[in-house]
Amino acid sequence: MTRDEAIAEITNKLVEFYQPIRICLFGSVARGDDGPDSDLDFLVVVPDDAPEDKLRPGAGRRAVRGTGFAKDIVPWRKTDFEQRAAWVRASLPATVVREGRVLYDTQ
């Protein structure tokens, strides 16, 4: 499986698991300055009423088990993501807005 195929498969599994508003790829792969050992970084924007268990560390990784490639999955509630992106320039959400690649968006 190529990296692009893995990104598509992981995105589909994340959509199924989280039923998100948006999924972004961020980090070195999204910026295009990745190397052979780079992992795939996904930020998942979930509805504000998403269950707590979906936000726990590792929840998303279990959903994409077996897809190959090292990956990190970071879920954020919609309101928290939008506020942090707008007000804290050095935050992860602001960086994702500036440098990330949108893979899925319902808006």
PDB file of N, CA and C in Angstrom:
ATOM      1  N   MET A   1       0.848  -1.171   0.000  1.00  0.00           N
ATOM      2  CA  MET A   1       0.000   0.000   0.000  1.00  0.00           C
ATOM      3  C   MET A   1       0.901   1.244   0.000  1.00  0.00           C
ATOM      4  N   THR A   2       0.592   2.184  -0.872  1.00  0.00           N
ATOM      5  CA  THR A   2       1.357   3.431  -0.915  1.00  0.00           C
ATOM      6  C   THR A   2       0.927   4.334   0.248  1.00  0.00           C
ATOM      7  N   ARG A   3       1.717   5.351   0.498  1.00  0.00           N
ATOM      8  CA  ARG A   3       1.358   6.286   1.572  1.00  0.00           C
ATOM      9  C   ARG A   3       0.032   6.981   1.265  1.00  0.00           C
ATOM     10  N   ASP A   4      -0.176   7.404   0.010  1.00  0.00           N
ATOM     11  CA  ASP A   4      -1.441   8.065  -0.346  1.00  0.00           C
ATOM     12  C   ASP A   4      -2.635   7.127  -0.166  1.00  0.00           C
ATOM     13  N   GLU A   5      -2.454   5.863  -0.497  1.00  0.00           N
ATOM     14  CA  GLU A   5      -3.530   4.885  -0.283  1.00  0.00           C
ATOM     15  C   GLU A   5      -3.805   4.710   1.211  1.00  0.00           C
ATOM     16  N   ALA A   6      -2.735   4.684   2.005  1.00  0.00           N
ATOM     17  CA  ALA A   6      -2.899   4.562   3.456  1.00  0.00           C
ATOM     18  C   ALA A   6      -3.622   5.778   4.025  1.00  0.00           C
ATOM     19  N   ILE A   7      -3.265   6.972   3.562  1.00  0.00           N
ATOM     20  CA  ILE A   7      -3.934   8.191   4.030  1.00  0.00           C
ATOM     21  C   ILE A   7      -5.427   8.122   3.716  1.00  0.00           C
ATOM     22  N   ALA A   8      -5.775   7.678   2.517  1.00  0.00           N
ATOM     23  CA  ALA A   8      -7.191   7.560   2.135  1.00  0.00           C
ATOM     24  C   ALA A   8      -7.908   6.525   2.999  1.00  0.00           C
ATOM     25  N   GLU A   9      -7.276   5.381   3.236  1.00  0.00           N
ATOM     26  CA  GLU A   9      -7.902   4.334   4.050  1.00  0.00           C
ATOM     27  C   GLU A   9      -8.059   4.784   5.503  1.00  0.00           C
ATOM     28  N   ILE A  10      -7.026   5.405   6.039  1.00  0.00           N
ATOM     29  CA  ILE A  10      -7.094   5.901   7.413  1.00  0.00           C
ATOM     30  C   ILE A  10      -8.190   6.958   7.533  1.00  0.00           C
ATOM     31  N   THR A  11      -8.256   7.859   6.568  1.00  0.00           N
ATOM     32  CA  THR A  11      -9.294   8.894   6.584  1.00  0.00           C
ATOM     33  C   THR A  11     -10.680   8.258   6.608  1.00  0.00           C
ATOM     34  N   ASN A  12     -10.909   7.266   5.764  1.00  0.00           N
ATOM     35  CA  ASN A  12     -12.213   6.585   5.734  1.00  0.00           C
ATOM     36  C   ASN A  12     -12.543   5.938   7.076  1.00  0.00           C
ATOM     37  N   LYS A  13     -11.555   5.308   7.694  1.00  0.00           N
ATOM     38  CA  LYS A  13     -11.791   4.659   8.988  1.00  0.00           C
ATOM     39  C   LYS A  13     -12.037   5.688  10.090  1.00  0.00           C
ATOM     40  N   LEU A  14     -11.338   6.819  10.012  1.00  0.00           N
ATOM     41  CA  LEU A  14     -11.563   7.878  10.993  1.00  0.00           C
ATOM     42  C   LEU A  14     -12.954   8.485  10.835  1.00  0.00           C
ATOM     43  N   VAL A  15     -13.410   8.641   9.598  1.00  0.00           N
ATOM     44  CA  VAL A  15     -14.771   9.145   9.357  1.00  0.00           C
ATOM     45  C   VAL A  15     -15.788   8.183   9.971  1.00  0.00           C
ATOM     46  N   GLU A  16     -15.589   6.905   9.754  1.00  0.00           N
ATOM     47  CA  GLU A  16     -16.510   5.905  10.293  1.00  0.00           C
ATOM     48  C   GLU A  16     -16.512   5.926  11.825  1.00  0.00           C
ATOM     49  N   PHE A  17     -15.341   6.034  12.418  1.00  0.00           N
ATOM     50  CA  PHE A  17     -15.226   5.978  13.882  1.00  0.00           C
ATOM     51  C   PHE A  17     -15.709   7.256  14.563  1.00  0.00           C
ATOM     52  N   TYR A  18     -15.247   8.398  14.078  1.00  0.00           N
ATOM     53  CA  TYR A  18     -15.534   9.671  14.748  1.00  0.00           C
ATOM     54  C   TYR A  18     -16.792  10.387  14.248  1.00  0.00           C
ATOM     55  N   GLN A  19     -17.192  10.135  12.998  1.00  0.00           N
ATOM     56  CA  GLN A  19     -18.244  10.927  12.354  1.00  0.00           C
ATOM     57  C   GLN A  19     -17.923  12.413  12.547  1.00  0.00           C
ATOM     58  N   PRO A  20     -16.747  12.821  12.045  1.00  0.00           N
ATOM     59  CA  PRO A  20     -16.224  14.156  12.329  1.00  0.00           C
ATOM     60  C   PRO A  20     -16.798  15.246  11.440  1.00  0.00           C
ATOM     61  N   ILE A  21     -16.429  16.450  11.781  1.00  0.00           N
ATOM     62  CA  ILE A  21     -16.738  17.614  10.962  1.00  0.00           C
ATOM     63  C   ILE A  21     -15.633  17.803   9.922  1.00  0.00           C
ATOM     64  N   ARG A  22     -14.404  17.561  10.362  1.00  0.00           N
ATOM     65  CA  ARG A  22     -13.261  17.776   9.467  1.00  0.00           C
ATOM     66  C   ARG A  22     -12.101  16.879   9.898  1.00  0.00           C
ATOM     67  N   ILE A  23     -11.307  16.458   8.919  1.00  0.00           N
ATOM     68  CA  ILE A  23     -10.061  15.745   9.191  1.00  0.00           C
ATOM     69  C   ILE A  23      -8.966  16.433   8.389  1.00  0.00           C
ATOM     70  N   CYS A  24      -7.866  16.735   9.069  1.00  0.00           N
ATOM     71  CA  CYS A  24      -6.726  17.370   8.405  1.00  0.00           C
ATOM     72  C   CYS A  24      -5.473  16.533   8.614  1.00  0.00           C
ATOM     73  N   LEU A  25      -4.666  16.468   7.594  1.00  0.00           N
ATOM     74  CA  LEU A  25      -3.323  15.914   7.695  1.00  0.00           C
ATOM     75  C   LEU A  25      -2.413  17.090   8.011  1.00  0.00           C
ATOM     76  N   PHE A  26      -1.541  16.939   8.990  1.00  0.00           N
ATOM     77  CA  PHE A  26      -0.625  18.023   9.319  1.00  0.00           C
ATOM     78  C   PHE A  26       0.764  17.453   9.556  1.00  0.00           C
ATOM     79  N   GLY A  27       1.708  18.318   9.799  1.00  0.00           N
ATOM     80  CA  GLY A  27       3.075  17.879  10.042  1.00  0.00           C
ATOM     81  C   GLY A  27       3.879  17.811   8.762  1.00  0.00           C
ATOM     82  N   SER A  28       4.983  17.100   8.832  1.00  0.00           N
ATOM     83  CA  SER A  28       5.941  17.089   7.722  1.00  0.00           C
ATOM     84  C   SER A  28       5.356  16.541   6.426  1.00  0.00           C
ATOM     85  N   VAL A  29       4.501  15.541   6.503  1.00  0.00           N
ATOM     86  CA  VAL A  29       3.917  14.976   5.275  1.00  0.00           C
ATOM     87  C   VAL A  29       3.017  16.010   4.599  1.00  0.00           C
ATOM     88  N   ALA A  30       2.216  16.716   5.373  1.00  0.00           N
ATOM     89  CA  ALA A  30       1.333  17.742   4.801  1.00  0.00           C
ATOM     90  C   ALA A  30       2.134  18.902   4.217  1.00  0.00           C
ATOM     91  N   ARG A  31       3.243  19.246   4.877  1.00  0.00           N
ATOM     92  CA  ARG A  31       4.075  20.352   4.385  1.00  0.00           C
ATOM     93  C   ARG A  31       4.935  19.948   3.195  1.00  0.00           C
ATOM     94  N   GLY A  32       5.145  18.647   3.020  1.00  0.00           N
ATOM     95  CA  GLY A  32       5.976  18.170   1.918  1.00  0.00           C
ATOM     96  C   GLY A  32       7.456  18.124   2.244  1.00  0.00           C
ATOM     97  N   ASP A  33       7.809  18.209   3.534  1.00  0.00           N
ATOM     98  CA  ASP A  33       9.223  18.124   3.902  1.00  0.00           C
ATOM     99  C   ASP A  33       9.504  16.875   4.744  1.00  0.00           C
ATOM    100  N   ASP A  34       8.747  15.825   4.463  1.00  0.00           N
ATOM    101  CA  ASP A  34       8.868  14.569   5.185  1.00  0.00           C
ATOM    102  C   ASP A  34      10.085  13.779   4.722  1.00  0.00           C
ATOM    103  N   GLY A  35      10.486  12.848   5.573  1.00  0.00           N
ATOM    104  CA  GLY A  35      11.580  11.939   5.259  1.00  0.00           C
ATOM    105  C   GLY A  35      11.093  10.507   5.323  1.00  0.00           C
ATOM    106  N   PRO A  36      11.991   9.562   5.166  1.00  0.00           N
ATOM    107  CA  PRO A  36      11.587   8.150   5.129  1.00  0.00           C
ATOM    108  C   PRO A  36      10.993   7.643   6.448  1.00  0.00           C
ATOM    109  N   ASP A  37      11.309   8.289   7.555  1.00  0.00           N
ATOM    110  CA  ASP A  37      10.793   7.847   8.855  1.00  0.00           C
ATOM    111  C   ASP A  37       9.646   8.709   9.374  1.00  0.00           C
ATOM    112  N   SER A  38       9.120   9.582   8.536  1.00  0.00           N
ATOM    113  CA  SER A  38       8.040  10.475   8.980  1.00  0.00           C
ATOM    114  C   SER A  38       6.749   9.704   9.219  1.00  0.00           C
ATOM    115  N   ASP A  39       6.030  10.118  10.255  1.00  0.00           N
ATOM    116  CA  ASP A  39       4.728   9.508  10.517  1.00  0.00           C
ATOM    117  C   ASP A  39       3.629  10.363   9.892  1.00  0.00           C
ATOM    118  N   LEU A  40       2.414   9.864   9.967  1.00  0.00           N
ATOM    119  CA  LEU A  40       1.242  10.573   9.454  1.00  0.00           C
ATOM    120  C   LEU A  40       0.511  11.182  10.645  1.00  0.00           C
ATOM    121  N   ASP A  41       0.274  12.479  10.584  1.00  0.00           N
ATOM    122  CA  ASP A  41      -0.380  13.193  11.675  1.00  0.00           C
ATOM    123  C   ASP A  41      -1.763  13.649  11.227  1.00  0.00           C
ATOM    124  N   PHE A  42      -2.784  13.207  11.951  1.00  0.00           N
ATOM    125  CA  PHE A  42      -4.170  13.543  11.629  1.00  0.00           C
ATOM    126  C   PHE A  42      -4.786  14.326  12.782  1.00  0.00           C
ATOM    127  N   LEU A  43      -5.419  15.440  12.469  1.00  0.00           N
ATOM    128  CA  LEU A  43      -6.217  16.165  13.453  1.00  0.00           C
ATOM    129  C   LEU A  43      -7.673  15.985  13.044  1.00  0.00           C
ATOM    130  N   VAL A  44      -8.479  15.518  13.982  1.00  0.00           N
ATOM    131  CA  VAL A  44      -9.886  15.216  13.722  1.00  0.00           C
ATOM    132  C   VAL A  44     -10.747  16.194  14.520  1.00  0.00           C
ATOM    133  N   VAL A  45     -11.521  17.014  13.823  1.00  0.00           N
ATOM    134  CA  VAL A  45     -12.429  17.957  14.478  1.00  0.00           C
ATOM    135  C   VAL A  45     -13.777  17.257  14.632  1.00  0.00           C
ATOM    136  N   VAL A  46     -14.172  17.068  15.893  1.00  0.00           N
ATOM    137  CA  VAL A  46     -15.407  16.339  16.182  1.00  0.00           C
ATOM    138  C   VAL A  46     -16.478  17.305  16.683  1.00  0.00           C
ATOM    139  N   PRO A  47     -17.743  16.916  16.598  1.00  0.00           N
ATOM    140  CA  PRO A  47     -18.808  17.768  17.139  1.00  0.00           C
ATOM    141  C   PRO A  47     -18.590  18.015  18.636  1.00  0.00           C
ATOM    142  N   ASP A  48     -19.095  19.122  19.112  1.00  0.00           N
ATOM    143  CA  ASP A  48     -18.948  19.467  20.528  1.00  0.00           C
ATOM    144  C   ASP A  48     -19.565  18.426  21.453  1.00  0.00           C
ATOM    145  N   ASP A  49     -20.565  17.707  20.962  1.00  0.00           N
ATOM    146  CA  ASP A  49     -21.222  16.705  21.802  1.00  0.00           C
ATOM    147  C   ASP A  49     -20.673  15.292  21.586  1.00  0.00           C
ATOM    148  N   ALA A  50     -19.495  15.177  20.992  1.00  0.00           N
ATOM    149  CA  ALA A  50     -18.882  13.854  20.789  1.00  0.00           C
ATOM    150  C   ALA A  50     -18.646  13.196  22.151  1.00  0.00           C
ATOM    151  N   PRO A  51     -18.851  11.888  22.243  1.00  0.00           N
ATOM    152  CA  PRO A  51     -18.651  11.194  23.516  1.00  0.00           C
ATOM    153  C   PRO A  51     -17.194  11.294  23.988  1.00  0.00           C
ATOM    154  N   GLU A  52     -17.023  11.380  25.294  1.00  0.00           N
ATOM    155  CA  GLU A  52     -15.687  11.486  25.894  1.00  0.00           C
ATOM    156  C   GLU A  52     -14.762  10.348  25.466  1.00  0.00           C
ATOM    157  N   ASP A  53     -15.305   9.135  25.329  1.00  0.00           N
ATOM    158  CA  ASP A  53     -14.443   8.001  24.988  1.00  0.00           C
ATOM    159  C   ASP A  53     -13.786   8.168  23.621  1.00  0.00           C
ATOM    160  N   LYS A  54     -14.370   8.960  22.742  1.00  0.00           N
ATOM    161  CA  LYS A  54     -13.768   9.203  21.424  1.00  0.00           C
ATOM    162  C   LYS A  54     -12.587  10.168  21.525  1.00  0.00           C
ATOM    163  N   LEU A  55     -12.502  10.902  22.631  1.00  0.00           N
ATOM    164  CA  LEU A  55     -11.443  11.893  22.807  1.00  0.00           C
ATOM    165  C   LEU A  55     -10.269  11.364  23.621  1.00  0.00           C
ATOM    166  N   ARG A  56     -10.395  10.180  24.148  1.00  0.00           N
ATOM    167  CA  ARG A  56      -9.325   9.607  24.966  1.00  0.00           C
ATOM    168  C   ARG A  56      -8.115   9.259  24.101  1.00  0.00           C
ATOM    169  N   PRO A  57      -6.923   9.413  24.678  1.00  0.00           N
ATOM    170  CA  PRO A  57      -5.715   9.029  23.933  1.00  0.00           C
ATOM    171  C   PRO A  57      -5.800   7.567  23.487  1.00  0.00           C
ATOM    172  N   GLY A  58      -5.475   7.322  22.256  1.00  0.00           N
ATOM    173  CA  GLY A  58      -5.470   5.963  21.734  1.00  0.00           C
ATOM    174  C   GLY A  58      -6.766   5.514  21.099  1.00  0.00           C
ATOM    175  N   ALA A  59      -7.863   6.216  21.324  1.00  0.00           N
ATOM    176  CA  ALA A  59      -9.154   5.785  20.771  1.00  0.00           C
ATOM    177  C   ALA A  59      -9.098   5.717  19.250  1.00  0.00           C
ATOM    178  N   GLY A  60      -8.591   6.731  18.618  1.00  0.00           N
ATOM    179  CA  GLY A  60      -8.512   6.757  17.162  1.00  0.00           C
ATOM    180  C   GLY A  60      -7.534   5.746  16.600  1.00  0.00           C
ATOM    181  N   ARG A  61      -6.446   5.509  17.321  1.00  0.00           N
ATOM    182  CA  ARG A  61      -5.451   4.529  16.838  1.00  0.00           C
ATOM    183  C   ARG A  61      -6.054   3.139  16.742  1.00  0.00           C
ATOM    184  N   ARG A  62      -6.891   2.803  17.701  1.00  0.00           N
ATOM    185  CA  ARG A  62      -7.543   1.482  17.644  1.00  0.00           C
ATOM    186  C   ARG A  62      -8.427   1.369  16.403  1.00  0.00           C
ATOM    187  N   ALA A  63      -9.043   2.467  16.012  1.00  0.00           N
ATOM    188  CA  ALA A  63      -9.944   2.454  14.853  1.00  0.00           C
ATOM    189  C   ALA A  63      -9.199   2.228  13.545  1.00  0.00           C
ATOM    190  N   VAL A  64      -7.925   2.588  13.505  1.00  0.00           N
ATOM    191  CA  VAL A  64      -7.164   2.476  12.250  1.00  0.00           C
ATOM    192  C   VAL A  64      -6.073   1.410  12.335  1.00  0.00           C
ATOM    193  N   ARG A  65      -6.182   0.547  13.303  1.00  0.00           N
ATOM    194  CA  ARG A  65      -5.209  -0.539  13.456  1.00  0.00           C
ATOM    195  C   ARG A  65      -5.136  -1.357  12.167  1.00  0.00           C
ATOM    196  N   GLY A  66      -3.928  -1.724  11.793  1.00  0.00           N
ATOM    197  CA  GLY A  66      -3.739  -2.569  10.624  1.00  0.00           C
ATOM    198  C   GLY A  66      -3.618  -1.821   9.315  1.00  0.00           C
ATOM    199  N   THR A  67      -3.560  -0.506   9.363  1.00  0.00           N
ATOM    200  CA  THR A  67      -3.464   0.268   8.120  1.00  0.00           C
ATOM    201  C   THR A  67      -2.022   0.581   7.740  1.00  0.00           C
ATOM    202  N   GLY A  68      -1.064   0.131   8.531  1.00  0.00           N
ATOM    203  CA  GLY A  68       0.335   0.402   8.229  1.00  0.00           C
ATOM    204  C   GLY A  68       0.692   1.850   8.516  1.00  0.00           C
ATOM    205  N   PHE A  69       1.946   2.162   8.404  1.00  0.00           N
ATOM    206  CA  PHE A  69       2.480   3.511   8.615  1.00  0.00           C
ATOM    207  C   PHE A  69       2.283   3.971  10.064  1.00  0.00           C
ATOM    208  N   ALA A  70       3.314   4.561  10.601  1.00  0.00           N
ATOM    209  CA  ALA A  70       3.210   5.170  11.930  1.00  0.00           C
ATOM    210  C   ALA A  70       2.278   6.372  11.816  1.00  0.00           C
ATOM    211  N   LYS A  71       1.449   6.556  12.827  1.00  0.00           N
ATOM    212  CA  LYS A  71       0.475   7.649  12.746  1.00  0.00           C
ATOM    213  C   LYS A  71       0.141   8.181  14.127  1.00  0.00           C
ATOM    214  N   ASP A  72      -0.227   9.448  14.155  1.00  0.00           N
ATOM    215  CA  ASP A  72      -0.758  10.090  15.352  1.00  0.00           C
ATOM    216  C   ASP A  72      -2.128  10.644  14.995  1.00  0.00           C
ATOM    217  N   ILE A  73      -3.069  10.476  15.909  1.00  0.00           N
ATOM    218  CA  ILE A  73      -4.433  10.955  15.686  1.00  0.00           C
ATOM    219  C   ILE A  73      -4.813  11.831  16.876  1.00  0.00           C
ATOM    220  N   VAL A  74      -5.162  13.074  16.580  1.00  0.00           N
ATOM    221  CA  VAL A  74      -5.456  14.053  17.623  1.00  0.00           C
ATOM    222  C   VAL A  74      -6.880  14.582  17.423  1.00  0.00           C
ATOM    223  N   PRO A  75      -7.822  14.173  18.283  1.00  0.00           N
ATOM    224  CA  PRO A  75      -9.187  14.702  18.175  1.00  0.00           C
ATOM    225  C   PRO A  75      -9.342  16.010  18.953  1.00  0.00           C
ATOM    226  N   TRP A  76     -10.129  16.938  18.410  1.00  0.00           N
ATOM    227  CA  TRP A  76     -10.457  18.214  19.067  1.00  0.00           C
ATOM    228  C   TRP A  76     -11.941  18.482  18.882  1.00  0.00           C
ATOM    229  N   ARG A  77     -12.584  18.957  19.931  1.00  0.00           N
ATOM    230  CA  ARG A  77     -13.971  19.409  19.802  1.00  0.00           C
ATOM    231  C   ARG A  77     -14.004  20.665  18.933  1.00  0.00           C
ATOM    232  N   LYS A  78     -15.051  20.814  18.138  1.00  0.00           N
ATOM    233  CA  LYS A  78     -15.159  21.898  17.154  1.00  0.00           C
ATOM    234  C   LYS A  78     -14.957  23.282  17.770  1.00  0.00           C
ATOM    235  N   THR A  79     -15.686  23.595  18.820  1.00  0.00           N
ATOM    236  CA  THR A  79     -15.581  24.927  19.418  1.00  0.00           C
ATOM    237  C   THR A  79     -14.180  25.177  19.968  1.00  0.00           C
ATOM    238  N   ASP A  80     -13.609  24.193  20.645  1.00  0.00           N
ATOM    239  CA  ASP A  80     -12.250  24.342  21.179  1.00  0.00           C
ATOM    240  C   ASP A  80     -11.247  24.564  20.053  1.00  0.00           C
ATOM    241  N   PHE A  81     -11.377  23.789  18.986  1.00  0.00           N
ATOM    242  CA  PHE A  81     -10.474  23.920  17.839  1.00  0.00           C
ATOM    243  C   PHE A  81     -10.564  25.320  17.237  1.00  0.00           C
ATOM    244  N   GLU A  82     -11.780  25.770  16.972  1.00  0.00           N
ATOM    245  CA  GLU A  82     -11.967  27.072  16.323  1.00  0.00           C
ATOM    246  C   GLU A  82     -11.482  28.220  17.203  1.00  0.00           C
ATOM    247  N   GLN A  83     -11.769  28.166  18.499  1.00  0.00           N
ATOM    248  CA  GLN A  83     -11.320  29.230  19.395  1.00  0.00           C
ATOM    249  C   GLN A  83      -9.801  29.256  19.499  1.00  0.00           C
ATOM    250  N   ARG A  84      -9.198  28.105  19.665  1.00  0.00           N
ATOM    251  CA  ARG A  84      -7.746  28.048  19.791  1.00  0.00           C
ATOM    252  C   ARG A  84      -7.077  28.489  18.501  1.00  0.00           C
ATOM    253  N   ALA A  85      -7.606  28.065  17.369  1.00  0.00           N
ATOM    254  CA  ALA A  85      -7.024  28.457  16.076  1.00  0.00           C
ATOM    255  C   ALA A  85      -7.090  29.965  15.879  1.00  0.00           C
ATOM    256  N   ALA A  86      -8.177  30.580  16.335  1.00  0.00           N
ATOM    257  CA  ALA A  86      -8.365  32.017  16.137  1.00  0.00           C
ATOM    258  C   ALA A  86      -7.555  32.869  17.109  1.00  0.00           C
ATOM    259  N   TRP A  87      -7.351  32.378  18.322  1.00  0.00           N
ATOM    260  CA  TRP A  87      -6.782  33.234  19.359  1.00  0.00           C
ATOM    261  C   TRP A  87      -5.367  32.893  19.784  1.00  0.00           C
ATOM    262  N   VAL A  88      -4.886  31.711  19.506  1.00  0.00           N
ATOM    263  CA  VAL A  88      -3.542  31.326  19.954  1.00  0.00           C
ATOM    264  C   VAL A  88      -2.728  30.917  18.734  1.00  0.00           C
ATOM    265  N   ARG A  89      -1.984  31.862  18.215  1.00  0.00           N
ATOM    266  CA  ARG A  89      -1.252  31.667  16.965  1.00  0.00           C
ATOM    267  C   ARG A  89      -0.257  30.501  17.009  1.00  0.00           C
ATOM    268  N   ALA A  90       0.312  30.242  18.165  1.00  0.00           N
ATOM    269  CA  ALA A  90       1.302  29.176  18.283  1.00  0.00           C
ATOM    270  C   ALA A  90       0.680  27.825  18.662  1.00  0.00           C
ATOM    271  N   SER A  91      -0.634  27.715  18.614  1.00  0.00           N
ATOM    272  CA  SER A  91      -1.304  26.469  19.004  1.00  0.00           C
ATOM    273  C   SER A  91      -1.315  25.454  17.858  1.00  0.00           C
ATOM    274  N   LEU A  92      -1.560  24.209  18.220  1.00  0.00           N
ATOM    275  CA  LEU A  92      -1.692  23.167  17.200  1.00  0.00           C
ATOM    276  C   LEU A  92      -2.827  23.481  16.224  1.00  0.00           C
ATOM    277  N   PRO A  93      -4.024  23.863  16.684  1.00  0.00           N
ATOM    278  CA  PRO A  93      -5.077  24.189  15.715  1.00  0.00           C
ATOM    279  C   PRO A  93      -4.679  25.294  14.736  1.00  0.00           C
ATOM    280  N   ALA A  94      -4.022  26.340  15.219  1.00  0.00           N
ATOM    281  CA  ALA A  94      -3.605  27.428  14.323  1.00  0.00           C
ATOM    282  C   ALA A  94      -2.588  26.929  13.302  1.00  0.00           C
ATOM    283  N   THR A  95      -1.678  26.080  13.732  1.00  0.00           N
ATOM    284  CA  THR A  95      -0.689  25.510  12.817  1.00  0.00           C
ATOM    285  C   THR A  95      -1.365  24.634  11.770  1.00  0.00           C
ATOM    286  N   VAL A  96      -2.343  23.844  12.190  1.00  0.00           N
ATOM    287  CA  VAL A  96      -3.063  22.979  11.250  1.00  0.00           C
ATOM    288  C   VAL A  96      -3.821  23.821  10.226  1.00  0.00           C
ATOM    289  N   VAL A  97      -4.433  24.906  10.665  1.00  0.00           N
ATOM    290  CA  VAL A  97      -5.146  25.790   9.735  1.00  0.00           C
ATOM    291  C   VAL A  97      -4.168  26.369   8.713  1.00  0.00           C
ATOM    292  N   ARG A  98      -2.986  26.780   9.163  1.00  0.00           N
ATOM    293  CA  ARG A  98      -1.992  27.384   8.263  1.00  0.00           C
ATOM    294  C   ARG A  98      -1.326  26.371   7.341  1.00  0.00           C
ATOM    295  N   GLU A  99      -0.951  25.212   7.887  1.00  0.00           N
ATOM    296  CA  GLU A  99      -0.083  24.290   7.155  1.00  0.00           C
ATOM    297  C   GLU A  99      -0.719  22.958   6.794  1.00  0.00           C
ATOM    298  N   GLY A 100      -1.883  22.675   7.346  1.00  0.00           N
ATOM    299  CA  GLY A 100      -2.483  21.364   7.154  1.00  0.00           C
ATOM    300  C   GLY A 100      -3.161  21.202   5.802  1.00  0.00           C
ATOM    301  N   ARG A 101      -3.493  19.961   5.517  1.00  0.00           N
ATOM    302  CA  ARG A 101      -4.192  19.612   4.280  1.00  0.00           C
ATOM    303  C   ARG A 101      -5.530  18.981   4.662  1.00  0.00           C
ATOM    304  N   VAL A 102      -6.618  19.585   4.232  1.00  0.00           N
ATOM    305  CA  VAL A 102      -7.952  19.069   4.566  1.00  0.00           C
ATOM    306  C   VAL A 102      -8.200  17.799   3.751  1.00  0.00           C
ATOM    307  N   LEU A 103      -8.535  16.726   4.464  1.00  0.00           N
ATOM    308  CA  LEU A 103      -8.817  15.441   3.821  1.00  0.00           C
ATOM    309  C   LEU A 103     -10.309  15.146   3.768  1.00  0.00           C
ATOM    310  N   TYR A 104     -11.047  15.731   4.702  1.00  0.00           N
ATOM    311  CA  TYR A 104     -12.491  15.481   4.808  1.00  0.00           C
ATOM    312  C   TYR A 104     -13.108  16.705   5.461  1.00  0.00           C
ATOM    313  N   ASP A 105     -14.241  17.155   4.941  1.00  0.00           N
ATOM    314  CA  ASP A 105     -14.900  18.331   5.514  1.00  0.00           C
ATOM    315  C   ASP A 105     -16.385  18.270   5.199  1.00  0.00           C
ATOM    316  N   THR A 106     -17.211  18.429   6.218  1.00  0.00           N
ATOM    317  CA  THR A 106     -18.660  18.407   6.014  1.00  0.00           C
ATOM    318  C   THR A 106     -19.237  19.802   5.854  1.00  0.00           C
ATOM    319  N   GLN A 107     -18.421  20.827   6.019  1.00  0.00           N
ATOM    320  CA  GLN A 107     -18.945  22.201   5.966  1.00  0.00           C
ATOM    321  C   GLN A 107     -18.687  22.843   4.632  1.00  0.00           C
TER     322      GLN A 107
END
